[in-house]
Amino acid sequence: VYNETTEPQVKAPRRRAFGCTLRRLRGWRLPAKVVQAIFSFVAVVCEEIVDECSTCSGLYFFEFTSCSAFLLSLLILCVYCTDLYETLGEDKVQKL
C-alpha cells in the first residue's frame, strides 16, 4: 500500500582532478589554437626585445594585439579543454 516517498540518491559521476578533455576541440582546431598561442607568445617576447624605436605607436599597437591574442587563445584553450565548458554551459560560453 505504501510506496517510498523519496527517490534513491544517485551518486554524482566522478570527475578527474584537473578535468582535462579534448572533446570540444577536435580535428584541426586544437593544433590551430595551440599554434596561435605559441605564435602570439613569441610575438610578445619579440616585442619586449626592442630597446629603441623612432615612432613607437605601431610597436605599442603590436604589443597590445599580440598580448591580447595570447591571453584570449589561452582563455579559449582553458574553457574548451577543461570541464569549465560543462560548468558554465554552452549558452554562456557562446555569449563569452
PDB file of N, CA and C in Angstrom:
ATOM      1  N   VAL A   1       0.826  -1.188   0.000  1.00  0.00           N
ATOM      2  CA  VAL A   1       0.000   0.000   0.000  1.00  0.00           C
ATOM      3  C   VAL A   1       0.868   1.249   0.000  1.00  0.00           C
ATOM      4  N   TYR A   2       1.938   1.212   0.790  1.00  0.00           N
ATOM      5  CA  TYR A   2       2.774   2.395   0.905  1.00  0.00           C
ATOM      6  C   TYR A   2       3.976   2.282  -0.032  1.00  0.00           C
ATOM      7  N   ASN A   3       4.214   3.335  -0.807  1.00  0.00           N
ATOM      8  CA  ASN A   3       5.392   3.419  -1.676  1.00  0.00           C
ATOM      9  C   ASN A   3       6.412   4.348  -1.043  1.00  0.00           C
ATOM     10  N   GLU A   4       7.627   4.200  -1.454  1.00  0.00           N
ATOM     11  CA  GLU A   4       8.659   5.112  -0.955  1.00  0.00           C
ATOM     12  C   GLU A   4       8.367   6.519  -1.431  1.00  0.00           C
ATOM     13  N   THR A   5       8.549   7.483  -0.559  1.00  0.00           N
ATOM     14  CA  THR A   5       8.236   8.871  -0.920  1.00  0.00           C
ATOM     15  C   THR A   5       9.433   9.629  -1.472  1.00  0.00           C
ATOM     16  N   THR A   6      10.599   9.093  -1.322  1.00  0.00           N
ATOM     17  CA  THR A   6      11.786   9.763  -1.847  1.00  0.00           C
ATOM     18  C   THR A   6      12.478   8.848  -2.836  1.00  0.00           C
ATOM     19  N   GLU A   7      13.114   9.461  -3.774  1.00  0.00           N
ATOM     20  CA  GLU A   7      13.878   8.692  -4.753  1.00  0.00           C
ATOM     21  C   GLU A   7      15.241   8.371  -4.175  1.00  0.00           C
ATOM     22  N   PRO A   8      15.778   7.234  -4.539  1.00  0.00           N
ATOM     23  CA  PRO A   8      17.128   6.926  -4.050  1.00  0.00           C
ATOM     24  C   PRO A   8      18.135   7.923  -4.610  1.00  0.00           C
ATOM     25  N   GLN A   9      19.107   8.282  -3.787  1.00  0.00           N
ATOM     26  CA  GLN A   9      20.109   9.254  -4.210  1.00  0.00           C
ATOM     27  C   GLN A   9      21.079   8.599  -5.178  1.00  0.00           C
ATOM     28  N   VAL A  10      21.295   9.298  -6.260  1.00  0.00           N
ATOM     29  CA  VAL A  10      22.234   8.821  -7.263  1.00  0.00           C
ATOM     30  C   VAL A  10      23.554   9.533  -7.033  1.00  0.00           C
ATOM     31  N   LYS A  11      24.615   8.784  -7.017  1.00  0.00           N
ATOM     32  CA  LYS A  11      25.928   9.392  -6.816  1.00  0.00           C
ATOM     33  C   LYS A  11      26.304  10.204  -8.046  1.00  0.00           C
ATOM     34  N   ALA A  12      26.917  11.350  -7.793  1.00  0.00           N
ATOM     35  CA  ALA A  12      27.383  12.191  -8.894  1.00  0.00           C
ATOM     36  C   ALA A  12      28.540  11.492  -9.589  1.00  0.00           C
ATOM     37  N   PRO A  13      28.620  11.624 -10.914  1.00  0.00           N
ATOM     38  CA  PRO A  13      29.734  10.986 -11.612  1.00  0.00           C
ATOM     39  C   PRO A  13      31.063  11.562 -11.152  1.00  0.00           C
ATOM     40  N   ARG A  14      32.043  10.710 -11.041  1.00  0.00           N
ATOM     41  CA  ARG A  14      33.355  11.153 -10.581  1.00  0.00           C
ATOM     42  C   ARG A  14      34.048  11.971 -11.649  1.00  0.00           C
ATOM     43  N   ARG A  15      34.648  13.047 -11.223  1.00  0.00           N
ATOM     44  CA  ARG A  15      35.422  13.893 -12.126  1.00  0.00           C
ATOM     45  C   ARG A  15      36.891  13.692 -11.827  1.00  0.00           C
ATOM     46  N   ARG A  16      37.667  13.808 -12.863  1.00  0.00           N
ATOM     47  CA  ARG A  16      39.101  13.762 -12.656  1.00  0.00           C
ATOM     48  C   ARG A  16      39.539  15.015 -11.921  1.00  0.00           C
ATOM     49  N   ALA A  17      40.721  14.959 -11.340  1.00  0.00           N
ATOM     50  CA  ALA A  17      41.198  16.080 -10.524  1.00  0.00           C
ATOM     51  C   ALA A  17      41.285  17.370 -11.330  1.00  0.00           C
ATOM     52  N   PHE A  18      41.891  17.328 -12.507  1.00  0.00           N
ATOM     53  CA  PHE A  18      42.041  18.531 -13.311  1.00  0.00           C
ATOM     54  C   PHE A  18      40.904  18.666 -14.311  1.00  0.00           C
ATOM     55  N   GLY A  19      40.374  17.572 -14.786  1.00  0.00           N
ATOM     56  CA  GLY A  19      39.240  17.617 -15.696  1.00  0.00           C
ATOM     57  C   GLY A  19      39.606  17.988 -17.106  1.00  0.00           C
ATOM     58  N   CYS A  20      40.751  17.562 -17.583  1.00  0.00           N
ATOM     59  CA  CYS A  20      41.179  17.905 -18.940  1.00  0.00           C
ATOM     60  C   CYS A  20      40.490  16.987 -19.944  1.00  0.00           C
ATOM     61  N   THR A  21      39.904  17.587 -20.952  1.00  0.00           N
ATOM     62  CA  THR A  21      39.249  16.829 -22.003  1.00  0.00           C
ATOM     63  C   THR A  21      39.509  17.502 -23.347  1.00  0.00           C
ATOM     64  N   LEU A  22      39.588  16.714 -24.380  1.00  0.00           N
ATOM     65  CA  LEU A  22      39.829  17.260 -25.715  1.00  0.00           C
ATOM     66  C   LEU A  22      38.634  17.038 -26.633  1.00  0.00           C
ATOM     67  N   ARG A  23      37.459  16.798 -26.057  1.00  0.00           N
ATOM     68  CA  ARG A  23      36.271  16.523 -26.859  1.00  0.00           C
ATOM     69  C   ARG A  23      35.771  17.742 -27.615  1.00  0.00           C
ATOM     70  N   ARG A  24      35.976  18.921 -27.080  1.00  0.00           N
ATOM     71  CA  ARG A  24      35.410  20.133 -27.683  1.00  0.00           C
ATOM     72  C   ARG A  24      36.236  20.670 -28.848  1.00  0.00           C
ATOM     73  N   LEU A  25      37.540  20.446 -28.834  1.00  0.00           N
ATOM     74  CA  LEU A  25      38.406  20.922 -29.918  1.00  0.00           C
ATOM     75  C   LEU A  25      38.953  19.709 -30.657  1.00  0.00           C
ATOM     76  N   ARG A  26      38.249  19.294 -31.666  1.00  0.00           N
ATOM     77  CA  ARG A  26      38.658  18.109 -32.420  1.00  0.00           C
ATOM     78  C   ARG A  26      39.228  18.516 -33.771  1.00  0.00           C
ATOM     79  N   GLY A  27      39.951  17.598 -34.342  1.00  0.00           N
ATOM     80  CA  GLY A  27      40.484  17.806 -35.684  1.00  0.00           C
ATOM     81  C   GLY A  27      41.564  18.871 -35.704  1.00  0.00           C
ATOM     82  N   TRP A  28      41.440  19.798 -36.617  1.00  0.00           N
ATOM     83  CA  TRP A  28      42.466  20.824 -36.831  1.00  0.00           C
ATOM     84  C   TRP A  28      42.341  21.973 -35.834  1.00  0.00           C
ATOM     85  N   ARG A  29      41.241  22.059 -35.087  1.00  0.00           N
ATOM     86  CA  ARG A  29      41.011  23.215 -34.216  1.00  0.00           C
ATOM     87  C   ARG A  29      41.973  23.269 -33.033  1.00  0.00           C
ATOM     88  N   LEU A  30      42.253  22.125 -32.407  1.00  0.00           N
ATOM     89  CA  LEU A  30      43.171  22.118 -31.262  1.00  0.00           C
ATOM     90  C   LEU A  30      44.588  22.501 -31.675  1.00  0.00           C
ATOM     91  N   PRO A  31      45.168  21.880 -32.709  1.00  0.00           N
ATOM     92  CA  PRO A  31      46.517  22.326 -33.104  1.00  0.00           C
ATOM     93  C   PRO A  31      46.550  23.787 -33.549  1.00  0.00           C
ATOM     94  N   ALA A  32      45.480  24.260 -34.167  1.00  0.00           N
ATOM     95  CA  ALA A  32      45.444  25.663 -34.597  1.00  0.00           C
ATOM     96  C   ALA A  32      45.467  26.607 -33.400  1.00  0.00           C
ATOM     97  N   LYS A  33      44.727  26.291 -32.348  1.00  0.00           N
ATOM     98  CA  LYS A  33      44.719  27.145 -31.155  1.00  0.00           C
ATOM     99  C   LYS A  33      46.048  27.081 -30.409  1.00  0.00           C
ATOM    100  N   VAL A  34      46.673  25.914 -30.387  1.00  0.00           N
ATOM    101  CA  VAL A  34      47.979  25.797 -29.732  1.00  0.00           C
ATOM    102  C   VAL A  34      49.027  26.598 -30.500  1.00  0.00           C
ATOM    103  N   VAL A  35      49.021  26.485 -31.821  1.00  0.00           N
ATOM    104  CA  VAL A  35      49.968  27.250 -32.644  1.00  0.00           C
ATOM    105  C   VAL A  35      49.704  28.744 -32.498  1.00  0.00           C
ATOM    106  N   GLN A  36      48.436  29.142 -32.432  1.00  0.00           N
ATOM    107  CA  GLN A  36      48.104  30.554 -32.235  1.00  0.00           C
ATOM    108  C   GLN A  36      48.658  31.054 -30.903  1.00  0.00           C
ATOM    109  N   ALA A  37      48.530  30.270 -29.847  1.00  0.00           N
ATOM    110  CA  ALA A  37      49.049  30.683 -28.543  1.00  0.00           C
ATOM    111  C   ALA A  37      50.569  30.792 -28.578  1.00  0.00           C
ATOM    112  N   ILE A  38      51.227  29.851 -29.228  1.00  0.00           N
ATOM    113  CA  ILE A  38      52.694  29.881 -29.313  1.00  0.00           C
ATOM    114  C   ILE A  38      53.162  31.095 -30.102  1.00  0.00           C
ATOM    115  N   PHE A  39      52.566  31.337 -31.267  1.00  0.00           N
ATOM    116  CA  PHE A  39      52.982  32.471 -32.103  1.00  0.00           C
ATOM    117  C   PHE A  39      52.715  33.811 -31.405  1.00  0.00           C
ATOM    118  N   SER A  40      51.586  33.931 -30.733  1.00  0.00           N
ATOM    119  CA  SER A  40      51.308  35.199 -30.065  1.00  0.00           C
ATOM    120  C   SER A  40      52.245  35.402 -28.871  1.00  0.00           C
ATOM    121  N   PHE A  41      52.638  34.329 -28.191  1.00  0.00           N
ATOM    122  CA  PHE A  41      53.612  34.451 -27.111  1.00  0.00           C
ATOM    123  C   PHE A  41      54.977  34.854 -27.659  1.00  0.00           C
ATOM    124  N   VAL A  42      55.374  34.267 -28.784  1.00  0.00           N
ATOM    125  CA  VAL A  42      56.645  34.639 -29.420  1.00  0.00           C
ATOM    126  C   VAL A  42      56.609  36.104 -29.846  1.00  0.00           C
ATOM    127  N   ALA A  43      55.457  36.582 -30.324  1.00  0.00           N
ATOM    128  CA  ALA A  43      55.328  37.985 -30.714  1.00  0.00           C
ATOM    129  C   ALA A  43      55.487  38.905 -29.507  1.00  0.00           C
ATOM    130  N   VAL A  44      54.924  38.523 -28.368  1.00  0.00           N
ATOM    131  CA  VAL A  44      55.076  39.330 -27.159  1.00  0.00           C
ATOM    132  C   VAL A  44      56.540  39.380 -26.740  1.00  0.00           C
ATOM    133  N   VAL A  45      57.213  38.241 -26.785  1.00  0.00           N
ATOM    134  CA  VAL A  45      58.626  38.192 -26.401  1.00  0.00           C
ATOM    135  C   VAL A  45      59.471  39.028 -27.362  1.00  0.00           C
ATOM    136  N   CYS A  46      59.206  38.906 -28.655  1.00  0.00           N
ATOM    137  CA  CYS A  46      59.976  39.686 -29.644  1.00  0.00           C
ATOM    138  C   CYS A  46      59.751  41.183 -29.465  1.00  0.00           C
ATOM    139  N   GLU A  47      58.544  41.577 -29.118  1.00  0.00           N
ATOM    140  CA  GLU A  47      58.272  42.995 -28.911  1.00  0.00           C
ATOM    141  C   GLU A  47      59.026  43.517 -27.697  1.00  0.00           C
ATOM    142  N   GLU A  48      59.177  42.697 -26.683  1.00  0.00           N
ATOM    143  CA  GLU A  48      59.876  43.124 -25.477  1.00  0.00           C
ATOM    144  C   GLU A  48      61.382  43.246 -25.704  1.00  0.00           C
ATOM    145  N   ILE A  49      61.898  42.638 -26.739  1.00  0.00           N
ATOM    146  CA  ILE A  49      63.335  42.703 -27.043  1.00  0.00           C
ATOM    147  C   ILE A  49      63.723  44.079 -27.577  1.00  0.00           C
ATOM    148  N   VAL A  50      62.803  44.753 -28.235  1.00  0.00           N
ATOM    149  CA  VAL A  50      63.092  46.051 -28.854  1.00  0.00           C
ATOM    150  C   VAL A  50      63.442  47.068 -27.772  1.00  0.00           C
ATOM    151  N   ASP A  51      64.637  47.666 -27.910  1.00  0.00           N
ATOM    152  CA  ASP A  51      65.082  48.659 -26.927  1.00  0.00           C
ATOM    153  C   ASP A  51      64.708  50.077 -27.330  1.00  0.00           C
ATOM    154  N   GLU A  52      64.907  50.404 -28.600  1.00  0.00           N
ATOM    155  CA  GLU A  52      64.649  51.766 -29.067  1.00  0.00           C
ATOM    156  C   GLU A  52      63.789  51.727 -30.317  1.00  0.00           C
ATOM    157  N   CYS A  53      62.979  52.779 -30.468  1.00  0.00           N
ATOM    158  CA  CYS A  53      62.210  52.932 -31.698  1.00  0.00           C
ATOM    159  C   CYS A  53      62.009  54.419 -31.940  1.00  0.00           C
ATOM    160  N   SER A  54      61.933  54.792 -33.215  1.00  0.00           N
ATOM    161  CA  SER A  54      61.769  56.212 -33.525  1.00  0.00           C
ATOM    162  C   SER A  54      60.303  56.627 -33.413  1.00  0.00           C
ATOM    163  N   THR A  55      59.400  55.844 -33.938  1.00  0.00           N
ATOM    164  CA  THR A  55      57.965  56.079 -33.749  1.00  0.00           C
ATOM    165  C   THR A  55      57.381  54.814 -33.126  1.00  0.00           C
ATOM    166  N   CYS A  56      57.021  54.909 -31.880  1.00  0.00           N
ATOM    167  CA  CYS A  56      56.649  53.727 -31.107  1.00  0.00           C
ATOM    168  C   CYS A  56      55.162  53.402 -31.135  1.00  0.00           C
ATOM    169  N   SER A  57      54.358  54.203 -31.813  1.00  0.00           N
ATOM    170  CA  SER A  57      52.917  53.946 -31.776  1.00  0.00           C
ATOM    171  C   SER A  57      52.572  52.595 -32.411  1.00  0.00           C
ATOM    172  N   GLY A  58      53.214  52.260 -33.517  1.00  0.00           N
ATOM    173  CA  GLY A  58      52.971  50.966 -34.145  1.00  0.00           C
ATOM    174  C   GLY A  58      53.421  49.805 -33.280  1.00  0.00           C
ATOM    175  N   LEU A  59      54.537  50.008 -32.592  1.00  0.00           N
ATOM    176  CA  LEU A  59      55.046  48.972 -31.699  1.00  0.00           C
ATOM    177  C   LEU A  59      54.119  48.760 -30.511  1.00  0.00           C
ATOM    178  N   TYR A  60      53.558  49.835 -29.974  1.00  0.00           N
ATOM    179  CA  TYR A  60      52.619  49.711 -28.862  1.00  0.00           C
ATOM    180  C   TYR A  60      51.338  49.007 -29.302  1.00  0.00           C
ATOM    181  N   PHE A  61      50.878  49.311 -30.513  1.00  0.00           N
ATOM    182  CA  PHE A  61      49.693  48.629 -31.041  1.00  0.00           C
ATOM    183  C   PHE A  61      49.985  47.145 -31.244  1.00  0.00           C
ATOM    184  N   PHE A  62      51.164  46.813 -31.761  1.00  0.00           N
ATOM    185  CA  PHE A  62      51.565  45.414 -31.936  1.00  0.00           C
ATOM    186  C   PHE A  62      51.643  44.709 -30.590  1.00  0.00           C
ATOM    187  N   GLU A  63      52.161  45.395 -29.578  1.00  0.00           N
ATOM    188  CA  GLU A  63      52.228  44.812 -28.237  1.00  0.00           C
ATOM    189  C   GLU A  63      50.834  44.522 -27.698  1.00  0.00           C
ATOM    190  N   PHE A  64      49.921  45.455 -27.869  1.00  0.00           N
ATOM    191  CA  PHE A  64      48.555  45.271 -27.393  1.00  0.00           C
ATOM    192  C   PHE A  64      47.877  44.101 -28.093  1.00  0.00           C
ATOM    193  N   THR A  65      47.972  44.041 -29.411  1.00  0.00           N
ATOM    194  CA  THR A  65      47.287  42.980 -30.149  1.00  0.00           C
ATOM    195  C   THR A  65      47.911  41.612 -29.879  1.00  0.00           C
ATOM    196  N   SER A  66      49.230  41.529 -29.810  1.00  0.00           N
ATOM    197  CA  SER A  66      49.853  40.229 -29.575  1.00  0.00           C
ATOM    198  C   SER A  66      49.587  39.731 -28.156  1.00  0.00           C
ATOM    199  N   CYS A  67      49.596  40.619 -27.182  1.00  0.00           N
ATOM    200  CA  CYS A  67      49.298  40.221 -25.807  1.00  0.00           C
ATOM    201  C   CYS A  67      47.825  39.823 -25.675  1.00  0.00           C
ATOM    202  N   SER A  68      46.938  40.565 -26.310  1.00  0.00           N
ATOM    203  CA  SER A  68      45.513  40.223 -26.284  1.00  0.00           C
ATOM    204  C   SER A  68      45.262  38.880 -26.955  1.00  0.00           C
ATOM    205  N   ALA A  69      45.916  38.638 -28.086  1.00  0.00           N
ATOM    206  CA  ALA A  69      45.748  37.359 -28.780  1.00  0.00           C
ATOM    207  C   ALA A  69      46.256  36.210 -27.926  1.00  0.00           C
ATOM    208  N   PHE A  70      47.359  36.414 -27.226  1.00  0.00           N
ATOM    209  CA  PHE A  70      47.901  35.365 -26.365  1.00  0.00           C
ATOM    210  C   PHE A  70      46.945  35.055 -25.220  1.00  0.00           C
ATOM    211  N   LEU A  71      46.447  36.074 -24.554  1.00  0.00           N
ATOM    212  CA  LEU A  71      45.554  35.851 -23.418  1.00  0.00           C
ATOM    213  C   LEU A  71      44.228  35.241 -23.853  1.00  0.00           C
ATOM    214  N   LEU A  72      43.677  35.689 -24.983  1.00  0.00           N
ATOM    215  CA  LEU A  72      42.418  35.132 -25.453  1.00  0.00           C
ATOM    216  C   LEU A  72      42.567  33.694 -25.935  1.00  0.00           C
ATOM    217  N   SER A  73      43.687  33.375 -26.571  1.00  0.00           N
ATOM    218  CA  SER A  73      43.884  31.982 -27.006  1.00  0.00           C
ATOM    219  C   SER A  73      44.066  31.065 -25.804  1.00  0.00           C
ATOM    220  N   LEU A  74      44.714  31.552 -24.739  1.00  0.00           N
ATOM    221  CA  LEU A  74      44.804  30.752 -23.509  1.00  0.00           C
ATOM    222  C   LEU A  74      43.432  30.569 -22.871  1.00  0.00           C
ATOM    223  N   LEU A  75      42.615  31.607 -22.897  1.00  0.00           N
ATOM    224  CA  LEU A  75      41.269  31.503 -22.354  1.00  0.00           C
ATOM    225  C   LEU A  75      40.456  30.472 -23.130  1.00  0.00           C
ATOM    226  N   ILE A  76      40.539  30.506 -24.444  1.00  0.00           N
ATOM    227  CA  ILE A  76      39.812  29.544 -25.264  1.00  0.00           C
ATOM    228  C   ILE A  76      40.278  28.131 -24.984  1.00  0.00           C
ATOM    229  N   LEU A  77      41.589  27.936 -24.875  1.00  0.00           N
ATOM    230  CA  LEU A  77      42.104  26.606 -24.570  1.00  0.00           C
ATOM    231  C   LEU A  77      41.642  26.140 -23.201  1.00  0.00           C
ATOM    232  N   CYS A  78      41.641  27.030 -22.218  1.00  0.00           N
ATOM    233  CA  CYS A  78      41.203  26.649 -20.868  1.00  0.00           C
ATOM    234  C   CYS A  78      39.719  26.299 -20.841  1.00  0.00           C
ATOM    235  N   VAL A  79      38.906  27.057 -21.526  1.00  0.00           N
ATOM    236  CA  VAL A  79      37.464  26.799 -21.497  1.00  0.00           C
ATOM    237  C   VAL A  79      37.123  25.517 -22.249  1.00  0.00           C
ATOM    238  N   TYR A  80      37.674  25.349 -23.436  1.00  0.00           N
ATOM    239  CA  TYR A  80      37.289  24.212 -24.267  1.00  0.00           C
ATOM    240  C   TYR A  80      38.007  22.917 -23.900  1.00  0.00           C
ATOM    241  N   CYS A  81      39.122  22.986 -23.207  1.00  0.00           N
ATOM    242  CA  CYS A  81      39.878  21.769 -22.895  1.00  0.00           C
ATOM    243  C   CYS A  81      39.764  21.344 -21.433  1.00  0.00           C
ATOM    244  N   THR A  82      38.917  21.988 -20.661  1.00  0.00           N
ATOM    245  CA  THR A  82      38.686  21.577 -19.277  1.00  0.00           C
ATOM    246  C   THR A  82      37.178  21.399 -19.074  1.00  0.00           C
ATOM    247  N   ASP A  83      36.805  21.055 -17.854  1.00  0.00           N
ATOM    248  CA  ASP A  83      35.390  20.889 -17.538  1.00  0.00           C
ATOM    249  C   ASP A  83      34.672  22.218 -17.353  1.00  0.00           C
ATOM    250  N   LEU A  84      35.365  23.306 -17.558  1.00  0.00           N
ATOM    251  CA  LEU A  84      34.755  24.623 -17.426  1.00  0.00           C
ATOM    252  C   LEU A  84      33.633  24.821 -18.436  1.00  0.00           C
ATOM    253  N   TYR A  85      33.744  24.188 -19.606  1.00  0.00           N
ATOM    254  CA  TYR A  85      32.706  24.294 -20.631  1.00  0.00           C
ATOM    255  C   TYR A  85      31.386  23.733 -20.112  1.00  0.00           C
ATOM    256  N   GLU A  86      31.438  22.555 -19.484  1.00  0.00           N
ATOM    257  CA  GLU A  86      30.219  21.963 -18.940  1.00  0.00           C
ATOM    258  C   GLU A  86      29.724  22.737 -17.721  1.00  0.00           C
ATOM    259  N   THR A  87      30.647  23.285 -16.933  1.00  0.00           N
ATOM    260  CA  THR A  87      30.260  24.030 -15.745  1.00  0.00           C
ATOM    261  C   THR A  87      29.514  25.314 -16.114  1.00  0.00           C
ATOM    262  N   LEU A  88      30.033  26.046 -17.087  1.00  0.00           N
ATOM    263  CA  LEU A  88      29.394  27.292 -17.499  1.00  0.00           C
ATOM    264  C   LEU A  88      28.122  27.053 -18.295  1.00  0.00           C
ATOM    265  N   GLY A  89      28.147  26.062 -19.151  1.00  0.00           N
ATOM    266  CA  GLY A  89      27.020  25.808 -20.041  1.00  0.00           C
ATOM    267  C   GLY A  89      27.304  26.361 -21.419  1.00  0.00           C
ATOM    268  N   GLU A  90      26.741  25.696 -22.419  1.00  0.00           N
ATOM    269  CA  GLU A  90      27.038  26.064 -23.803  1.00  0.00           C
ATOM    270  C   GLU A  90      26.559  27.463 -24.149  1.00  0.00           C
ATOM    271  N   ASP A  91      25.399  27.865 -23.634  1.00  0.00           N
ATOM    272  CA  ASP A  91      24.879  29.195 -23.965  1.00  0.00           C
ATOM    273  C   ASP A  91      25.759  30.308 -23.408  1.00  0.00           C
ATOM    274  N   LYS A  92      26.285  30.130 -22.206  1.00  0.00           N
ATOM    275  CA  LYS A  92      27.166  31.161 -21.634  1.00  0.00           C
ATOM    276  C   LYS A  92      28.508  31.191 -22.331  1.00  0.00           C
ATOM    277  N   VAL A  93      29.001  30.042 -22.763  1.00  0.00           N
ATOM    278  CA  VAL A  93      30.267  30.019 -23.495  1.00  0.00           C
ATOM    279  C   VAL A  93      30.102  30.717 -24.838  1.00  0.00           C
ATOM    280  N   GLN A  94      28.978  30.507 -25.507  1.00  0.00           N
ATOM    281  CA  GLN A  94      28.735  31.170 -26.784  1.00  0.00           C
ATOM    282  C   GLN A  94      28.656  32.685 -26.601  1.00  0.00           C
ATOM    283  N   LYS A  95      28.049  33.148 -25.498  1.00  0.00           N
ATOM    284  CA  LYS A  95      27.983  34.584 -25.229  1.00  0.00           C
ATOM    285  C   LYS A  95      29.347  35.154 -24.929  1.00  0.00           C
ATOM    286  N   LEU A  96      30.169  34.349 -24.214  1.00  0.00           N
ATOM    287  CA  LEU A  96      31.520  34.801 -23.873  1.00  0.00           C
ATOM    288  C   LEU A  96      32.347  34.987 -25.116  1.00  0.00           C
TER     289      LEU A  96
END
